[in-house]
N, C-alpha and C. Protein backbone atom coordinates (compact mmCIF):
# COMPACT_ATOMS: atom_id res chain seq x y z
N UNK A 1 -85.98 154.99 228.91
CA UNK A 1 -85.74 155.26 227.54
C UNK A 1 -87.09 155.47 226.86
N UNK A 2 -87.19 156.56 226.13
CA UNK A 2 -88.48 156.91 225.47
C UNK A 2 -88.63 156.15 224.19
N UNK A 3 -89.78 155.56 223.98
CA UNK A 3 -90.06 154.79 222.76
C UNK A 3 -90.17 155.77 221.57
N UNK A 4 -89.49 155.48 220.44
CA UNK A 4 -89.53 156.36 219.31
C UNK A 4 -90.82 156.33 218.56
N UNK A 5 -91.66 155.32 218.86
CA UNK A 5 -92.96 155.16 218.19
C UNK A 5 -94.14 155.83 218.92
N UNK A 6 -94.19 155.59 220.25
CA UNK A 6 -95.34 156.11 221.00
C UNK A 6 -94.96 157.04 222.12
N UNK A 7 -93.65 157.26 222.30
CA UNK A 7 -93.12 158.16 223.37
C UNK A 7 -93.34 157.66 224.80
N UNK A 8 -93.74 156.41 224.95
CA UNK A 8 -93.87 155.83 226.28
C UNK A 8 -92.46 155.70 226.93
N UNK A 9 -92.38 156.00 228.22
CA UNK A 9 -91.03 156.07 228.84
C UNK A 9 -90.55 154.70 229.42
N UNK A 10 -91.38 153.69 229.45
CA UNK A 10 -90.95 152.42 230.05
C UNK A 10 -90.65 151.42 228.94
N UNK A 11 -89.48 150.86 228.98
CA UNK A 11 -89.11 149.80 228.02
C UNK A 11 -88.25 148.80 228.77
N UNK A 12 -88.19 147.56 228.18
CA UNK A 12 -87.29 146.60 228.82
C UNK A 12 -86.23 146.13 227.79
N UNK A 13 -85.10 145.80 228.30
CA UNK A 13 -83.97 145.40 227.50
C UNK A 13 -84.14 143.92 227.18
N UNK A 14 -84.13 143.60 225.85
CA UNK A 14 -84.28 142.22 225.38
C UNK A 14 -82.90 141.58 225.19
N UNK A 15 -81.97 142.41 224.62
CA UNK A 15 -80.64 141.86 224.29
C UNK A 15 -79.64 142.98 224.41
N UNK A 16 -78.42 142.64 224.93
CA UNK A 16 -77.32 143.59 225.07
C UNK A 16 -76.07 142.92 224.54
N UNK A 17 -75.29 143.66 223.75
CA UNK A 17 -74.03 143.15 223.30
C UNK A 17 -73.06 144.31 223.01
N UNK A 18 -71.76 144.09 223.28
CA UNK A 18 -70.76 145.11 223.03
C UNK A 18 -70.51 145.27 221.47
N UNK A 19 -70.21 146.45 221.07
CA UNK A 19 -69.85 146.75 219.70
C UNK A 19 -68.59 147.63 219.73
N UNK A 20 -68.01 147.83 218.61
CA UNK A 20 -66.84 148.72 218.47
C UNK A 20 -65.78 148.35 219.50
N UNK A 21 -65.40 147.10 219.53
CA UNK A 21 -64.36 146.59 220.43
C UNK A 21 -64.61 146.95 221.89
N UNK A 22 -65.90 146.91 222.29
CA UNK A 22 -66.27 147.18 223.66
C UNK A 22 -66.44 148.61 224.04
N UNK A 23 -66.31 149.51 223.06
CA UNK A 23 -66.44 150.95 223.32
C UNK A 23 -67.91 151.33 223.44
N UNK A 24 -68.80 150.62 222.85
CA UNK A 24 -70.26 150.92 222.93
C UNK A 24 -71.01 149.64 223.23
N UNK A 25 -72.18 149.83 223.76
CA UNK A 25 -73.10 148.67 224.04
C UNK A 25 -74.36 148.91 223.23
N UNK A 26 -74.72 147.91 222.45
CA UNK A 26 -75.97 147.93 221.65
C UNK A 26 -77.05 147.22 222.47
N UNK A 27 -78.15 147.92 222.68
CA UNK A 27 -79.26 147.37 223.47
C UNK A 27 -80.52 147.26 222.58
N UNK A 28 -81.12 146.12 222.51
CA UNK A 28 -82.39 145.90 221.83
C UNK A 28 -83.48 146.00 222.90
N UNK A 29 -84.41 146.90 222.72
CA UNK A 29 -85.43 147.20 223.71
C UNK A 29 -86.84 146.92 223.12
N UNK A 30 -87.77 146.67 224.08
CA UNK A 30 -89.18 146.52 223.70
C UNK A 30 -90.00 147.50 224.53
N UNK A 31 -90.85 148.24 223.84
CA UNK A 31 -91.72 149.23 224.51
C UNK A 31 -92.76 148.50 225.40
N UNK A 32 -92.97 149.07 226.57
CA UNK A 32 -93.92 148.44 227.51
C UNK A 32 -95.38 148.76 227.12
N UNK A 33 -95.62 149.71 226.25
CA UNK A 33 -96.99 150.06 225.91
C UNK A 33 -97.34 149.52 224.51
N UNK A 34 -96.62 149.88 223.47
CA UNK A 34 -96.99 149.46 222.10
C UNK A 34 -96.34 148.13 221.70
N UNK A 35 -95.32 147.66 222.44
CA UNK A 35 -94.75 146.38 222.13
C UNK A 35 -93.73 146.40 220.99
N UNK A 36 -93.53 147.57 220.36
CA UNK A 36 -92.54 147.66 219.25
C UNK A 36 -91.14 147.62 219.78
N UNK A 37 -90.22 147.16 218.98
CA UNK A 37 -88.85 147.05 219.36
C UNK A 37 -88.01 148.12 218.69
N UNK A 38 -86.96 148.54 219.44
CA UNK A 38 -86.02 149.54 218.91
C UNK A 38 -84.66 149.28 219.51
N UNK A 39 -83.64 149.92 218.88
CA UNK A 39 -82.27 149.75 219.31
C UNK A 39 -81.71 151.03 219.84
N UNK A 40 -80.95 150.96 220.99
CA UNK A 40 -80.25 152.09 221.56
C UNK A 40 -78.78 151.72 221.70
N UNK A 41 -77.93 152.69 221.75
CA UNK A 41 -76.51 152.53 221.96
C UNK A 41 -76.07 153.31 223.16
N UNK A 42 -75.23 152.70 223.95
CA UNK A 42 -74.71 153.34 225.16
C UNK A 42 -73.21 153.50 224.97
N UNK A 43 -72.70 154.70 225.22
CA UNK A 43 -71.25 154.94 225.07
C UNK A 43 -70.77 155.59 226.38
N UNK A 44 -69.46 155.35 226.65
CA UNK A 44 -68.83 156.00 227.82
C UNK A 44 -68.49 157.43 227.42
N UNK A 45 -68.93 158.34 228.23
CA UNK A 45 -68.54 159.74 228.02
C UNK A 45 -67.20 159.98 228.63
N UNK A 46 -66.26 160.40 227.82
CA UNK A 46 -64.91 160.66 228.36
C UNK A 46 -64.67 162.13 228.44
N UNK A 47 -64.26 162.57 229.61
CA UNK A 47 -63.96 163.99 229.85
C UNK A 47 -62.44 164.11 229.78
N UNK A 48 -61.98 165.00 228.92
CA UNK A 48 -60.49 165.12 228.78
C UNK A 48 -59.83 165.63 230.05
N UNK A 49 -58.60 165.13 230.30
CA UNK A 49 -57.82 165.65 231.42
C UNK A 49 -56.96 166.83 230.85
N UNK A 50 -56.99 167.94 231.53
CA UNK A 50 -56.25 169.10 231.14
C UNK A 50 -54.94 169.17 231.95
N UNK A 51 -53.81 169.35 231.27
CA UNK A 51 -52.56 169.46 231.93
C UNK A 51 -52.19 170.96 232.08
N UNK A 52 -51.93 171.35 233.33
CA UNK A 52 -51.54 172.72 233.58
C UNK A 52 -49.99 172.77 233.64
N UNK A 53 -49.40 173.49 232.68
CA UNK A 53 -47.95 173.53 232.51
C UNK A 53 -47.34 174.49 233.53
N UNK A 54 -46.03 174.50 233.60
CA UNK A 54 -45.34 175.41 234.56
C UNK A 54 -45.62 176.85 234.33
N UNK A 55 -45.80 177.23 233.05
CA UNK A 55 -46.10 178.62 232.72
C UNK A 55 -47.61 178.97 232.82
N UNK A 56 -48.38 178.02 233.42
CA UNK A 56 -49.82 178.17 233.65
C UNK A 56 -50.66 177.96 232.38
N UNK A 57 -50.04 177.64 231.26
CA UNK A 57 -50.83 177.36 230.06
C UNK A 57 -51.44 175.97 230.24
N UNK A 58 -52.52 175.73 229.48
CA UNK A 58 -53.25 174.47 229.62
C UNK A 58 -53.34 173.77 228.26
N UNK A 59 -53.24 172.43 228.31
CA UNK A 59 -53.41 171.67 227.09
C UNK A 59 -53.97 170.28 227.47
N UNK A 60 -54.63 169.62 226.54
CA UNK A 60 -55.22 168.31 226.73
C UNK A 60 -54.09 167.31 226.96
N UNK A 61 -54.25 166.38 227.92
CA UNK A 61 -53.24 165.33 228.15
C UNK A 61 -53.07 164.53 226.88
N UNK A 62 -51.80 164.35 226.53
CA UNK A 62 -51.41 163.61 225.33
C UNK A 62 -50.47 162.45 225.75
N UNK A 63 -51.04 161.24 225.71
CA UNK A 63 -50.28 160.06 226.11
C UNK A 63 -49.08 159.86 225.23
N UNK A 64 -49.15 160.23 223.96
CA UNK A 64 -47.97 160.10 223.07
C UNK A 64 -46.84 160.94 223.47
N UNK A 65 -47.13 162.15 224.00
CA UNK A 65 -46.05 163.03 224.45
C UNK A 65 -45.38 162.45 225.68
N UNK A 66 -46.13 161.91 226.58
CA UNK A 66 -45.51 161.25 227.74
C UNK A 66 -44.69 160.03 227.36
N UNK A 67 -45.23 159.23 226.41
CA UNK A 67 -44.50 158.05 225.93
C UNK A 67 -43.22 158.44 225.28
N UNK A 68 -43.18 159.54 224.47
CA UNK A 68 -41.98 159.89 223.78
C UNK A 68 -40.93 160.39 224.79
N UNK A 69 -41.33 161.05 225.86
CA UNK A 69 -40.39 161.43 226.92
C UNK A 69 -39.79 160.25 227.59
N UNK A 70 -40.66 159.24 227.85
CA UNK A 70 -40.13 158.02 228.52
C UNK A 70 -39.20 157.26 227.53
N UNK A 71 -39.52 157.24 226.25
CA UNK A 71 -38.69 156.57 225.29
C UNK A 71 -37.29 157.21 225.22
N UNK A 72 -37.26 158.57 225.23
CA UNK A 72 -35.96 159.26 225.25
C UNK A 72 -35.13 158.89 226.48
N UNK A 73 -35.77 158.81 227.63
CA UNK A 73 -35.07 158.49 228.87
C UNK A 73 -34.57 157.07 228.85
N UNK A 74 -35.25 156.19 228.13
CA UNK A 74 -34.93 154.75 228.12
C UNK A 74 -34.06 154.32 226.89
N UNK A 75 -33.63 155.35 226.14
CA UNK A 75 -32.86 155.04 224.93
C UNK A 75 -31.57 154.23 225.31
N UNK A 76 -31.34 153.13 224.62
CA UNK A 76 -30.22 152.22 224.82
C UNK A 76 -30.21 151.63 226.21
N UNK A 77 -31.41 151.44 226.74
CA UNK A 77 -31.59 150.75 228.04
C UNK A 77 -32.39 149.55 227.78
N UNK A 78 -32.28 148.53 228.70
CA UNK A 78 -33.03 147.29 228.55
C UNK A 78 -34.49 147.36 229.03
N UNK A 79 -35.22 148.37 228.47
CA UNK A 79 -36.63 148.58 228.83
C UNK A 79 -37.45 148.41 227.60
N UNK A 80 -38.42 147.53 227.63
CA UNK A 80 -39.20 147.25 226.44
C UNK A 80 -40.30 148.30 226.24
N UNK A 81 -40.77 148.45 224.99
CA UNK A 81 -41.83 149.40 224.69
C UNK A 81 -43.10 148.92 225.43
N UNK A 82 -43.27 147.63 225.68
CA UNK A 82 -44.47 147.19 226.40
C UNK A 82 -44.47 147.69 227.84
N UNK A 83 -43.26 147.71 228.48
CA UNK A 83 -43.15 148.23 229.82
C UNK A 83 -43.51 149.69 229.85
N UNK A 84 -43.00 150.43 228.85
CA UNK A 84 -43.29 151.86 228.82
C UNK A 84 -44.78 152.17 228.57
N UNK A 85 -45.36 151.38 227.69
CA UNK A 85 -46.82 151.57 227.41
C UNK A 85 -47.63 151.23 228.64
N UNK A 86 -47.20 150.22 229.42
CA UNK A 86 -47.87 149.87 230.69
C UNK A 86 -47.79 151.05 231.68
N UNK A 87 -46.60 151.68 231.71
CA UNK A 87 -46.44 152.87 232.59
C UNK A 87 -47.36 153.96 232.20
N UNK A 88 -47.44 154.25 230.86
CA UNK A 88 -48.31 155.32 230.39
C UNK A 88 -49.74 154.99 230.64
N UNK A 89 -50.15 153.71 230.40
CA UNK A 89 -51.52 153.23 230.67
C UNK A 89 -51.87 153.51 232.15
N UNK A 90 -50.97 153.15 233.04
CA UNK A 90 -51.23 153.27 234.48
C UNK A 90 -51.39 154.73 234.88
N UNK A 91 -50.51 155.60 234.32
CA UNK A 91 -50.60 157.01 234.63
C UNK A 91 -51.88 157.59 234.06
N UNK A 92 -52.20 157.24 232.84
CA UNK A 92 -53.46 157.72 232.24
C UNK A 92 -54.67 157.26 233.03
N UNK A 93 -54.67 156.03 233.46
CA UNK A 93 -55.81 155.49 234.28
C UNK A 93 -55.92 156.24 235.61
N UNK A 94 -54.76 156.54 236.21
CA UNK A 94 -54.77 157.30 237.47
C UNK A 94 -55.38 158.65 237.23
N UNK A 95 -55.04 159.33 236.09
CA UNK A 95 -55.56 160.63 235.82
C UNK A 95 -57.02 160.60 235.53
N UNK A 96 -57.46 159.59 234.76
CA UNK A 96 -58.87 159.47 234.42
C UNK A 96 -59.72 159.14 235.67
N UNK A 97 -59.19 158.34 236.59
CA UNK A 97 -59.94 157.95 237.76
C UNK A 97 -59.95 158.96 238.86
N UNK A 98 -59.06 159.92 238.75
CA UNK A 98 -59.06 161.00 239.79
C UNK A 98 -60.23 161.91 239.55
N UNK A 99 -60.64 162.60 240.56
CA UNK A 99 -61.79 163.52 240.44
C UNK A 99 -61.39 164.84 239.82
N UNK A 100 -60.08 165.04 239.70
CA UNK A 100 -59.60 166.31 239.12
C UNK A 100 -59.59 166.27 237.65
N UNK A 101 -60.07 167.31 237.02
CA UNK A 101 -60.07 167.39 235.59
C UNK A 101 -58.82 168.18 235.10
N UNK A 102 -58.23 168.96 235.98
CA UNK A 102 -56.97 169.64 235.69
C UNK A 102 -55.85 169.08 236.57
N UNK A 103 -54.73 168.73 235.96
CA UNK A 103 -53.58 168.18 236.73
C UNK A 103 -52.36 168.91 236.26
N UNK A 104 -51.52 169.19 237.21
CA UNK A 104 -50.25 169.88 236.92
C UNK A 104 -49.28 168.94 236.24
N UNK A 105 -48.45 169.49 235.40
CA UNK A 105 -47.44 168.67 234.74
C UNK A 105 -46.49 168.06 235.74
N UNK A 106 -46.31 168.76 236.91
CA UNK A 106 -45.41 168.22 237.92
C UNK A 106 -45.98 166.91 238.49
N UNK A 107 -47.25 166.79 238.65
CA UNK A 107 -47.85 165.52 239.14
C UNK A 107 -47.59 164.40 238.17
N UNK A 108 -47.78 164.70 236.91
CA UNK A 108 -47.55 163.65 235.88
C UNK A 108 -46.12 163.24 235.85
N UNK A 109 -45.18 164.24 235.93
CA UNK A 109 -43.78 163.94 235.98
C UNK A 109 -43.39 163.10 237.17
N UNK A 110 -43.96 163.38 238.29
CA UNK A 110 -43.68 162.62 239.52
C UNK A 110 -44.15 161.18 239.38
N UNK A 111 -45.37 160.98 238.84
CA UNK A 111 -45.84 159.63 238.57
C UNK A 111 -44.86 158.86 237.66
N UNK A 112 -44.46 159.54 236.61
CA UNK A 112 -43.53 158.91 235.63
C UNK A 112 -42.20 158.52 236.27
N UNK A 113 -41.68 159.43 237.14
CA UNK A 113 -40.43 159.13 237.77
C UNK A 113 -40.54 157.95 238.75
N UNK A 114 -41.66 157.89 239.46
CA UNK A 114 -41.84 156.77 240.40
C UNK A 114 -41.89 155.42 239.62
N UNK A 115 -42.59 155.44 238.51
CA UNK A 115 -42.67 154.22 237.71
C UNK A 115 -41.33 153.80 237.10
N UNK A 116 -40.64 154.81 236.56
CA UNK A 116 -39.31 154.57 235.93
C UNK A 116 -38.31 154.06 236.97
N UNK A 117 -38.36 154.62 238.16
CA UNK A 117 -37.39 154.21 239.19
C UNK A 117 -37.49 152.74 239.45
N UNK A 118 -38.68 152.18 239.39
CA UNK A 118 -38.91 150.72 239.63
C UNK A 118 -38.42 149.91 238.51
N UNK A 119 -38.40 150.51 237.28
CA UNK A 119 -38.05 149.73 236.05
C UNK A 119 -36.59 149.79 235.74
N UNK A 120 -36.02 151.03 235.76
CA UNK A 120 -34.60 151.24 235.37
C UNK A 120 -34.09 152.51 235.97
N UNK A 121 -33.10 152.38 236.84
CA UNK A 121 -32.56 153.56 237.58
C UNK A 121 -31.89 154.53 236.68
N UNK A 122 -31.22 154.11 235.65
CA UNK A 122 -30.49 155.01 234.74
C UNK A 122 -31.56 155.80 233.98
N UNK A 123 -32.64 155.18 233.48
CA UNK A 123 -33.65 155.89 232.81
C UNK A 123 -34.34 156.87 233.76
N UNK A 124 -34.50 156.48 235.03
CA UNK A 124 -35.06 157.35 236.02
C UNK A 124 -34.22 158.64 236.16
N UNK A 125 -32.93 158.47 236.27
CA UNK A 125 -32.03 159.62 236.44
C UNK A 125 -32.04 160.52 235.19
N UNK A 126 -32.10 159.91 234.01
CA UNK A 126 -32.19 160.68 232.80
C UNK A 126 -33.50 161.49 232.79
N UNK A 127 -34.62 160.87 233.06
CA UNK A 127 -35.91 161.53 233.09
C UNK A 127 -35.90 162.67 234.11
N UNK A 128 -35.38 162.35 235.31
CA UNK A 128 -35.37 163.33 236.43
C UNK A 128 -34.49 164.51 236.08
N UNK A 129 -33.40 164.29 235.37
CA UNK A 129 -32.50 165.40 235.01
C UNK A 129 -33.21 166.46 234.11
N UNK A 130 -34.07 165.94 233.22
CA UNK A 130 -34.82 166.84 232.34
C UNK A 130 -36.00 167.45 233.14
N UNK A 131 -36.74 166.59 233.80
CA UNK A 131 -37.95 166.99 234.53
C UNK A 131 -37.62 167.98 235.65
N UNK A 132 -36.61 167.72 236.41
CA UNK A 132 -36.27 168.60 237.56
C UNK A 132 -35.32 169.72 237.15
N UNK A 133 -34.86 169.68 235.97
CA UNK A 133 -33.96 170.71 235.43
C UNK A 133 -32.78 170.93 236.35
N UNK A 134 -31.99 169.88 236.57
CA UNK A 134 -30.80 170.03 237.43
C UNK A 134 -29.94 171.18 236.97
N UNK A 135 -29.65 172.08 237.91
CA UNK A 135 -28.93 173.29 237.59
C UNK A 135 -27.41 173.08 237.47
N UNK A 136 -26.91 172.11 238.22
CA UNK A 136 -25.47 171.86 238.21
C UNK A 136 -25.20 170.37 238.58
N UNK A 137 -23.98 170.08 238.57
CA UNK A 137 -23.56 168.68 238.83
C UNK A 137 -23.86 168.26 240.28
N UNK A 138 -23.88 169.24 241.20
CA UNK A 138 -24.17 168.92 242.61
C UNK A 138 -25.59 168.43 242.82
N UNK A 139 -26.57 169.09 242.11
CA UNK A 139 -27.94 168.62 242.27
C UNK A 139 -28.09 167.24 241.59
N UNK A 140 -27.37 167.01 240.53
CA UNK A 140 -27.38 165.72 239.87
C UNK A 140 -26.82 164.63 240.82
N UNK A 141 -25.71 164.99 241.44
CA UNK A 141 -25.05 164.05 242.39
C UNK A 141 -25.91 163.78 243.59
N UNK A 142 -26.66 164.78 244.08
CA UNK A 142 -27.57 164.62 245.21
C UNK A 142 -28.60 163.50 244.86
N UNK A 143 -29.13 163.55 243.64
CA UNK A 143 -30.13 162.58 243.24
C UNK A 143 -29.53 161.21 243.12
N UNK A 144 -28.27 161.08 242.59
CA UNK A 144 -27.57 159.83 242.53
C UNK A 144 -27.33 159.26 243.90
N UNK A 145 -26.92 160.10 244.85
CA UNK A 145 -26.64 159.66 246.18
C UNK A 145 -27.92 159.15 246.86
N UNK A 146 -29.07 159.79 246.59
CA UNK A 146 -30.32 159.28 247.13
C UNK A 146 -30.61 157.80 246.67
N UNK A 147 -30.33 157.57 245.39
CA UNK A 147 -30.54 156.27 244.83
C UNK A 147 -29.58 155.25 245.53
N UNK A 148 -28.30 155.67 245.65
CA UNK A 148 -27.32 154.75 246.23
C UNK A 148 -27.66 154.47 247.69
N UNK A 149 -28.19 155.46 248.43
CA UNK A 149 -28.53 155.24 249.84
C UNK A 149 -29.73 154.35 249.96
N UNK A 150 -30.67 154.43 249.04
CA UNK A 150 -31.86 153.60 249.08
C UNK A 150 -31.51 152.14 248.77
N UNK A 151 -30.44 151.91 248.05
CA UNK A 151 -30.01 150.53 247.73
C UNK A 151 -29.51 149.82 248.96
N UNK A 152 -28.92 150.59 249.89
CA UNK A 152 -28.26 149.99 251.08
C UNK A 152 -29.25 149.51 252.05
């Protein structure tokens, strides 16, 4: 870190503490040459995840959009908002931790279905019916039969 007083590039950290609810770190430094003290802030650089839609259009990942889809699937079901927010947090963390900056909407939908299946099967089928766009009752029944066979 370059000293703002003498431009010397060596300094030592005297004190570090989180600020802004842990979003930034405030560091008190002392210059190795002139001995003057100065403050620096360190922040996490976040790179947005881009969602590639079925029509090949792109948009920034919106956790609220995913949450509202899950809420619709879980309407009148015994699934708490905390459970849904945990699912969205997990999916968002998976996306942020992956090396890919562009992710298809199908991948996000698959993650959501896997998580919903473990929480509530009815909500899973509701979400899958919209996500997979079941064309007729037979494709809907095929999905229900898969669930029933996995139970056995």
